[in-house]
Amino acid sequence: MKNLFDYTDRYMKKATWKDMALLKICLTSMGVVIGTSVSNKSKKPVKQGAKILFAATYIPLMIKAVSVLFERESETDNN
């Protein structure tokens, strides 16, 4: 597992925003494929789980994005 995290760290150092956009598109399309293959009786719990996971990942990402935005603005103001 440690090797996997080391590989991921190395990959992220070389990745650009374009690589991350492609990764997000890839994962989104995989989610759509999985979502369309879920049986009708299982859709409600799957939707609830997806909503919880979305909130649990979106909130920290947006907190970091906003902090970077304000960090950049304060650096510009100081120069």
PDB file of N, CA and C in Angstrom:
ATOM      1  N   MET A   1       0.826  -1.193   0.000  1.00  0.00           N
ATOM      2  CA  MET A   1       0.000   0.000   0.000  1.00  0.00           C
ATOM      3  C   MET A   1       0.871   1.259   0.000  1.00  0.00           C
ATOM      4  N   LYS A   2       1.960   1.214   0.754  1.00  0.00           N
ATOM      5  CA  LYS A   2       2.851   2.373   0.803  1.00  0.00           C
ATOM      6  C   LYS A   2       3.411   2.684  -0.590  1.00  0.00           C
ATOM      7  N   ASN A   3       3.723   1.641  -1.354  1.00  0.00           N
ATOM      8  CA  ASN A   3       4.223   1.846  -2.723  1.00  0.00           C
ATOM      9  C   ASN A   3       3.183   2.541  -3.586  1.00  0.00           C
ATOM     10  N   LEU A   4       1.925   2.191  -3.389  1.00  0.00           N
ATOM     11  CA  LEU A   4       0.858   2.821  -4.153  1.00  0.00           C
ATOM     12  C   LEU A   4       0.780   4.316  -3.840  1.00  0.00           C
ATOM     13  N   PHE A   5       0.893   4.669  -2.562  1.00  0.00           N
ATOM     14  CA  PHE A   5       0.861   6.082  -2.177  1.00  0.00           C
ATOM     15  C   PHE A   5       2.095   6.821  -2.696  1.00  0.00           C
ATOM     16  N   ASP A   6       3.247   6.171  -2.684  1.00  0.00           N
ATOM     17  CA  ASP A   6       4.458   6.789  -3.233  1.00  0.00           C
ATOM     18  C   ASP A   6       4.303   7.057  -4.729  1.00  0.00           C
ATOM     19  N   TYR A   7       3.752   6.074  -5.445  1.00  0.00           N
ATOM     20  CA  TYR A   7       3.503   6.253  -6.872  1.00  0.00           C
ATOM     21  C   TYR A   7       2.535   7.413  -7.104  1.00  0.00           C
ATOM     22  N   THR A   8       1.484   7.465  -6.283  1.00  0.00           N
ATOM     23  CA  THR A   8       0.489   8.530  -6.431  1.00  0.00           C
ATOM     24  C   THR A   8       1.115   9.893  -6.189  1.00  0.00           C
ATOM     25  N   ASP A   9       1.952  10.016  -5.181  1.00  0.00           N
ATOM     26  CA  ASP A   9       2.638  11.281  -4.916  1.00  0.00           C
ATOM     27  C   ASP A   9       3.514  11.695  -6.092  1.00  0.00           C
ATOM     28  N   ARG A  10       4.244  10.746  -6.663  1.00  0.00           N
ATOM     29  CA  ARG A  10       5.094  11.056  -7.821  1.00  0.00           C
ATOM     30  C   ARG A  10       4.248  11.476  -9.015  1.00  0.00           C
ATOM     31  N   TYR A  11       3.135  10.784  -9.228  1.00  0.00           N
ATOM     32  CA  TYR A  11       2.248  11.125 -10.339  1.00  0.00           C
ATOM     33  C   TYR A  11       1.698  12.542 -10.173  1.00  0.00           C
ATOM     34  N   MET A  12       1.260  12.873  -8.968  1.00  0.00           N
ATOM     35  CA  MET A  12       0.663  14.186  -8.717  1.00  0.00           C
ATOM     36  C   MET A  12       1.664  15.314  -8.910  1.00  0.00           C
ATOM     37  N   LYS A  13       2.925  15.067  -8.621  1.00  0.00           N
ATOM     38  CA  LYS A  13       3.943  16.098  -8.836  1.00  0.00           C
ATOM     39  C   LYS A  13       4.121  16.410 -10.322  1.00  0.00           C
ATOM     40  N   LYS A  14       3.878  15.409 -11.170  1.00  0.00           N
ATOM     41  CA  LYS A  14       4.026  15.603 -12.608  1.00  0.00           C
ATOM     42  C   LYS A  14       2.722  15.991 -13.292  1.00  0.00           C
ATOM     43  N   ALA A  15       1.600  15.828 -12.619  1.00  0.00           N
ATOM     44  CA  ALA A  15       0.291  16.069 -13.230  1.00  0.00           C
ATOM     45  C   ALA A  15       0.023  17.561 -13.389  1.00  0.00           C
ATOM     46  N   THR A  16      -0.703  17.883 -14.436  1.00  0.00           N
ATOM     47  CA  THR A  16      -1.148  19.254 -14.657  1.00  0.00           C
ATOM     48  C   THR A  16      -2.650  19.313 -14.408  1.00  0.00           C
ATOM     49  N   TRP A  17      -3.206  20.504 -14.519  1.00  0.00           N
ATOM     50  CA  TRP A  17      -4.652  20.631 -14.336  1.00  0.00           C
ATOM     51  C   TRP A  17      -5.399  19.870 -15.422  1.00  0.00           C
ATOM     52  N   LYS A  18      -4.791  19.739 -16.587  1.00  0.00           N
ATOM     53  CA  LYS A  18      -5.428  18.995 -17.671  1.00  0.00           C
ATOM     54  C   LYS A  18      -5.518  17.507 -17.338  1.00  0.00           C
ATOM     55  N   ASP A  19      -4.469  16.982 -16.725  1.00  0.00           N
ATOM     56  CA  ASP A  19      -4.490  15.582 -16.289  1.00  0.00           C
ATOM     57  C   ASP A  19      -5.590  15.354 -15.253  1.00  0.00           C
ATOM     58  N   MET A  20      -5.729  16.301 -14.341  1.00  0.00           N
ATOM     59  CA  MET A  20      -6.756  16.166 -13.313  1.00  0.00           C
ATOM     60  C   MET A  20      -8.156  16.263 -13.918  1.00  0.00           C
ATOM     61  N   ALA A  21      -8.328  17.119 -14.918  1.00  0.00           N
ATOM     62  CA  ALA A  21      -9.623  17.231 -15.592  1.00  0.00           C
ATOM     63  C   ALA A  21      -9.967  15.919 -16.291  1.00  0.00           C
ATOM     64  N   LEU A  22      -9.006  15.314 -16.961  1.00  0.00           N
ATOM     65  CA  LEU A  22      -9.237  14.029 -17.616  1.00  0.00           C
ATOM     66  C   LEU A  22      -9.587  12.948 -16.596  1.00  0.00           C
ATOM     67  N   LEU A  23      -8.910  12.962 -15.472  1.00  0.00           N
ATOM     68  CA  LEU A  23      -9.195  11.992 -14.419  1.00  0.00           C
ATOM     69  C   LEU A  23     -10.620  12.158 -13.897  1.00  0.00           C
ATOM     70  N   LYS A  24     -11.047  13.388 -13.710  1.00  0.00           N
ATOM     71  CA  LYS A  24     -12.409  13.643 -13.228  1.00  0.00           C
ATOM     72  C   LYS A  24     -13.449  13.204 -14.252  1.00  0.00           C
ATOM     73  N   ILE A  25     -13.193  13.467 -15.525  1.00  0.00           N
ATOM     74  CA  ILE A  25     -14.124  13.042 -16.572  1.00  0.00           C
ATOM     75  C   ILE A  25     -14.198  11.518 -16.607  1.00  0.00           C
ATOM     76  N   CYS A  26     -13.070  10.872 -16.489  1.00  0.00           N
ATOM     77  CA  CYS A  26     -13.016   9.411 -16.491  1.00  0.00           C
ATOM     78  C   CYS A  26     -13.823   8.844 -15.324  1.00  0.00           C
ATOM     79  N   LEU A  27     -13.614   9.367 -14.138  1.00  0.00           N
ATOM     80  CA  LEU A  27     -14.327   8.869 -12.959  1.00  0.00           C
ATOM     81  C   LEU A  27     -15.816   9.184 -13.026  1.00  0.00           C
ATOM     82  N   THR A  28     -16.162  10.337 -13.572  1.00  0.00           N
ATOM     83  CA  THR A  28     -17.575  10.682 -13.716  1.00  0.00           C
ATOM     84  C   THR A  28     -18.264   9.713 -14.671  1.00  0.00           C
ATOM     85  N   SER A  29     -17.623   9.420 -15.786  1.00  0.00           N
ATOM     86  CA  SER A  29     -18.230   8.494 -16.741  1.00  0.00           C
ATOM     87  C   SER A  29     -18.351   7.093 -16.148  1.00  0.00           C
ATOM     88  N   MET A  30     -17.372   6.678 -15.348  1.00  0.00           N
ATOM     89  CA  MET A  30     -17.476   5.388 -14.690  1.00  0.00           C
ATOM     90  C   MET A  30     -18.647   5.384 -13.713  1.00  0.00           C
ATOM     91  N   GLY A  31     -18.853   6.477 -13.015  1.00  0.00           N
ATOM     92  CA  GLY A  31     -19.989   6.591 -12.105  1.00  0.00           C
ATOM     93  C   GLY A  31     -21.322   6.516 -12.829  1.00  0.00           C
ATOM     94  N   VAL A  32     -21.393   7.125 -14.001  1.00  0.00           N
ATOM     95  CA  VAL A  32     -22.625   7.068 -14.797  1.00  0.00           C
ATOM     96  C   VAL A  32     -22.894   5.631 -15.233  1.00  0.00           C
ATOM     97  N   VAL A  33     -21.859   4.949 -15.684  1.00  0.00           N
ATOM     98  CA  VAL A  33     -22.019   3.551 -16.105  1.00  0.00           C
ATOM     99  C   VAL A  33     -22.498   2.699 -14.938  1.00  0.00           C
ATOM    100  N   ILE A  34     -21.894   2.861 -13.788  1.00  0.00           N
ATOM    101  CA  ILE A  34     -22.316   2.098 -12.612  1.00  0.00           C
ATOM    102  C   ILE A  34     -23.741   2.473 -12.226  1.00  0.00           C
ATOM    103  N   GLY A  35     -24.058   3.749 -12.253  1.00  0.00           N
ATOM    104  CA  GLY A  35     -25.394   4.200 -11.881  1.00  0.00           C
ATOM    105  C   GLY A  35     -26.490   3.681 -12.785  1.00  0.00           C
ATOM    106  N   THR A  36     -26.191   3.561 -14.063  1.00  0.00           N
ATOM    107  CA  THR A  36     -27.210   3.058 -14.984  1.00  0.00           C
ATOM    108  C   THR A  36     -27.375   1.544 -14.907  1.00  0.00           C
ATOM    109  N   SER A  37     -26.414   0.868 -14.298  1.00  0.00           N
ATOM    110  CA  SER A  37     -26.511  -0.588 -14.203  1.00  0.00           C
ATOM    111  C   SER A  37     -27.109  -1.066 -12.883  1.00  0.00           C
ATOM    112  N   VAL A  38     -27.429  -0.153 -11.985  1.00  0.00           N
ATOM    113  CA  VAL A  38     -28.006  -0.517 -10.691  1.00  0.00           C
ATOM    114  C   VAL A  38     -29.484  -0.843 -10.883  1.00  0.00           C
ATOM    115  N   SER A  39     -29.936  -1.898 -10.218  1.00  0.00           N
ATOM    116  CA  SER A  39     -31.341  -2.285 -10.346  1.00  0.00           C
ATOM    117  C   SER A  39     -32.245  -1.224  -9.716  1.00  0.00           C
ATOM    118  N   ASN A  40     -33.489  -1.196 -10.159  1.00  0.00           N
ATOM    119  CA  ASN A  40     -34.433  -0.185  -9.674  1.00  0.00           C
ATOM    120  C   ASN A  40     -34.621  -0.235  -8.162  1.00  0.00           C
ATOM    121  N   LYS A  41     -34.629  -1.422  -7.581  1.00  0.00           N
ATOM    122  CA  LYS A  41     -34.858  -1.507  -6.138  1.00  0.00           C
ATOM    123  C   LYS A  41     -33.645  -1.036  -5.328  1.00  0.00           C
ATOM    124  N   SER A  42     -32.473  -0.997  -5.945  1.00  0.00           N
ATOM    125  CA  SER A  42     -31.258  -0.556  -5.241  1.00  0.00           C
ATOM    126  C   SER A  42     -30.920   0.906  -5.494  1.00  0.00           C
ATOM    127  N   LYS A  43     -31.648   1.573  -6.360  1.00  0.00           N
ATOM    128  CA  LYS A  43     -31.283   2.946  -6.742  1.00  0.00           C
ATOM    129  C   LYS A  43     -31.316   3.926  -5.580  1.00  0.00           C
ATOM    130  N   LYS A  44     -32.337   3.824  -4.706  1.00  0.00           N
ATOM    131  CA  LYS A  44     -32.453   4.787  -3.624  1.00  0.00           C
ATOM    132  C   LYS A  44     -31.249   4.742  -2.669  1.00  0.00           C
ATOM    133  N   PRO A  45     -30.833   3.568  -2.158  1.00  0.00           N
ATOM    134  CA  PRO A  45     -29.646   3.561  -1.287  1.00  0.00           C
ATOM    135  C   PRO A  45     -28.364   3.998  -2.000  1.00  0.00           C
ATOM    136  N   VAL A  46     -28.261   3.660  -3.288  1.00  0.00           N
ATOM    137  CA  VAL A  46     -27.075   4.068  -4.054  1.00  0.00           C
ATOM    138  C   VAL A  46     -27.045   5.586  -4.197  1.00  0.00           C
ATOM    139  N   LYS A  47     -28.200   6.187  -4.479  1.00  0.00           N
ATOM    140  CA  LYS A  47     -28.273   7.657  -4.579  1.00  0.00           C
ATOM    141  C   LYS A  47     -27.922   8.315  -3.257  1.00  0.00           C
ATOM    142  N   GLN A  48     -28.442   7.770  -2.152  1.00  0.00           N
ATOM    143  CA  GLN A  48     -28.148   8.346  -0.834  1.00  0.00           C
ATOM    144  C   GLN A  48     -26.656   8.265  -0.529  1.00  0.00           C
ATOM    145  N   GLY A  49     -26.058   7.115  -0.814  1.00  0.00           N
ATOM    146  CA  GLY A  49     -24.618   6.967  -0.596  1.00  0.00           C
ATOM    147  C   GLY A  49     -23.809   7.923  -1.442  1.00  0.00           C
ATOM    148  N   ALA A  50     -24.237   8.101  -2.696  1.00  0.00           N
ATOM    149  CA  ALA A  50     -23.530   9.023  -3.592  1.00  0.00           C
ATOM    150  C   ALA A  50     -23.629  10.458  -3.093  1.00  0.00           C
ATOM    151  N   LYS A  51     -24.802  10.834  -2.588  1.00  0.00           N
ATOM    152  CA  LYS A  51     -24.971  12.191  -2.050  1.00  0.00           C
ATOM    153  C   LYS A  51     -24.055  12.426  -0.851  1.00  0.00           C
ATOM    154  N   ILE A  52     -23.974  11.439   0.027  1.00  0.00           N
ATOM    155  CA  ILE A  52     -23.113  11.564   1.217  1.00  0.00           C
ATOM    156  C   ILE A  52     -21.646  11.657   0.806  1.00  0.00           C
ATOM    157  N   LEU A  53     -21.229  10.785  -0.114  1.00  0.00           N
ATOM    158  CA  LEU A  53     -19.838  10.828  -0.574  1.00  0.00           C
ATOM    159  C   LEU A  53     -19.524  12.130  -1.296  1.00  0.00           C
ATOM    160  N   PHE A  54     -20.462  12.628  -2.084  1.00  0.00           N
ATOM    161  CA  PHE A  54     -20.252  13.900  -2.769  1.00  0.00           C
ATOM    162  C   PHE A  54     -20.010  15.015  -1.759  1.00  0.00           C
ATOM    163  N   ALA A  55     -20.879  15.111  -0.755  1.00  0.00           N
ATOM    164  CA  ALA A  55     -20.733  16.165   0.253  1.00  0.00           C
ATOM    165  C   ALA A  55     -19.429  16.000   1.033  1.00  0.00           C
ATOM    166  N   ALA A  56     -19.098  14.757   1.367  1.00  0.00           N
ATOM    167  CA  ALA A  56     -17.891  14.496   2.160  1.00  0.00           C
ATOM    168  C   ALA A  56     -16.614  14.825   1.396  1.00  0.00           C
ATOM    169  N   THR A  57     -16.661  14.791   0.079  1.00  0.00           N
ATOM    170  CA  THR A  57     -15.470  15.120  -0.705  1.00  0.00           C
ATOM    171  C   THR A  57     -15.497  16.546  -1.237  1.00  0.00           C
ATOM    172  N   TYR A  58     -16.668  17.054  -1.559  1.00  0.00           N
ATOM    173  CA  TYR A  58     -16.785  18.390  -2.141  1.00  0.00           C
ATOM    174  C   TYR A  58     -16.440  19.482  -1.130  1.00  0.00           C
ATOM    175  N   ILE A  59     -16.931  19.336   0.080  1.00  0.00           N
ATOM    176  CA  ILE A  59     -16.708  20.375   1.097  1.00  0.00           C
ATOM    177  C   ILE A  59     -15.211  20.592   1.367  1.00  0.00           C
ATOM    178  N   PRO A  60     -14.424  19.534   1.642  1.00  0.00           N
ATOM    179  CA  PRO A  60     -12.984  19.786   1.846  1.00  0.00           C
ATOM    180  C   PRO A  60     -12.281  20.348   0.619  1.00  0.00           C
ATOM    181  N   LEU A  61     -12.691  19.899  -0.578  1.00  0.00           N
ATOM    182  CA  LEU A  61     -12.081  20.441  -1.798  1.00  0.00           C
ATOM    183  C   LEU A  61     -12.359  21.928  -1.938  1.00  0.00           C
ATOM    184  N   MET A  62     -13.580  22.349  -1.657  1.00  0.00           N
ATOM    185  CA  MET A  62     -13.936  23.763  -1.782  1.00  0.00           C
ATOM    186  C   MET A  62     -13.272  24.604  -0.692  1.00  0.00           C
ATOM    187  N   ILE A  63     -13.130  24.057   0.489  1.00  0.00           N
ATOM    188  CA  ILE A  63     -12.421  24.779   1.552  1.00  0.00           C
ATOM    189  C   ILE A  63     -10.990  25.046   1.113  1.00  0.00           C
ATOM    190  N   LYS A  64     -10.344  24.037   0.542  1.00  0.00           N
ATOM    191  CA  LYS A  64      -8.969  24.214   0.070  1.00  0.00           C
ATOM    192  C   LYS A  64      -8.914  25.202  -1.093  1.00  0.00           C
ATOM    193  N   ALA A  65      -9.865  25.113  -2.019  1.00  0.00           N
ATOM    194  CA  ALA A  65      -9.875  26.025  -3.168  1.00  0.00           C
ATOM    195  C   ALA A  65     -10.046  27.472  -2.717  1.00  0.00           C
ATOM    196  N   VAL A  66     -10.937  27.708  -1.783  1.00  0.00           N
ATOM    197  CA  VAL A  66     -11.166  29.069  -1.283  1.00  0.00           C
ATOM    198  C   VAL A  66      -9.931  29.571  -0.548  1.00  0.00           C
ATOM    199  N   SER A  67      -9.282  28.702   0.236  1.00  0.00           N
ATOM    200  CA  SER A  67      -8.077  29.144   0.950  1.00  0.00           C
ATOM    201  C   SER A  67      -6.966  29.504  -0.029  1.00  0.00           C
ATOM    202  N   VAL A  68      -6.845  28.752  -1.120  1.00  0.00           N
ATOM    203  CA  VAL A  68      -5.843  29.066  -2.145  1.00  0.00           C
ATOM    204  C   VAL A  68      -6.195  30.386  -2.830  1.00  0.00           C
ATOM    205  N   LEU A  69      -7.472  30.605  -3.093  1.00  0.00           N
ATOM    206  CA  LEU A  69      -7.910  31.847  -3.720  1.00  0.00           C
ATOM    207  C   LEU A  69      -7.541  33.047  -2.855  1.00  0.00           C
ATOM    208  N   PHE A  70      -7.842  32.971  -1.568  1.00  0.00           N
ATOM    209  CA  PHE A  70      -7.523  34.080  -0.673  1.00  0.00           C
ATOM    210  C   PHE A  70      -6.020  34.225  -0.464  1.00  0.00           C
ATOM    211  N   GLU A  71      -5.289  33.104  -0.474  1.00  0.00           N
ATOM    212  CA  GLU A  71      -3.837  33.145  -0.335  1.00  0.00           C
ATOM    213  C   GLU A  71      -3.238  33.890  -1.525  1.00  0.00           C
ATOM    214  N   ARG A  72      -3.707  33.601  -2.718  1.00  0.00           N
ATOM    215  CA  ARG A  72      -3.214  34.247  -3.926  1.00  0.00           C
ATOM    216  C   ARG A  72      -3.540  35.735  -3.921  1.00  0.00           C
ATOM    217  N   GLU A  73      -4.745  36.082  -3.486  1.00  0.00           N
ATOM    218  CA  GLU A  73      -5.136  37.495  -3.440  1.00  0.00           C
ATOM    219  C   GLU A  73      -4.291  38.256  -2.434  1.00  0.00           C
ATOM    220  N   SER A  74      -4.002  37.667  -1.278  1.00  0.00           N
ATOM    221  CA  SER A  74      -3.205  38.368  -0.278  1.00  0.00           C
ATOM    222  C   SER A  74      -1.750  38.520  -0.741  1.00  0.00           C
ATOM    223  N   GLU A  75      -1.234  37.531  -1.493  1.00  0.00           N
ATOM    224  CA  GLU A  75       0.115  37.647  -2.050  1.00  0.00           C
ATOM    225  C   GLU A  75       0.180  38.784  -3.058  1.00  0.00           C
ATOM    226  N   THR A  76      -0.868  38.934  -3.870  1.00  0.00           N
ATOM    227  CA  THR A  76      -0.920  39.999  -4.861  1.00  0.00           C
ATOM    228  C   THR A  76      -1.002  41.367  -4.184  1.00  0.00           C
ATOM    229  N   ASP A  77      -1.791  41.450  -3.106  1.00  0.00           N
ATOM    230  CA  ASP A  77      -1.941  42.709  -2.386  1.00  0.00           C
ATOM    231  C   ASP A  77      -0.618  43.147  -1.738  1.00  0.00           C
ATOM    232  N   ASN A  78       0.184  42.203  -1.307  1.00  0.00           N
ATOM    233  CA  ASN A  78       1.448  42.519  -0.628  1.00  0.00           C
ATOM    234  C   ASN A  78       2.531  42.967  -1.604  1.00  0.00           C
ATOM    235  N   ASN A  79       2.408  42.639  -2.873  1.00  0.00           N
ATOM    236  CA  ASN A  79       3.454  43.003  -3.854  1.00  0.00           C
ATOM    237  C   ASN A  79       3.186  44.297  -4.461  1.00  0.00           C
TER     238      ASN A  79
END
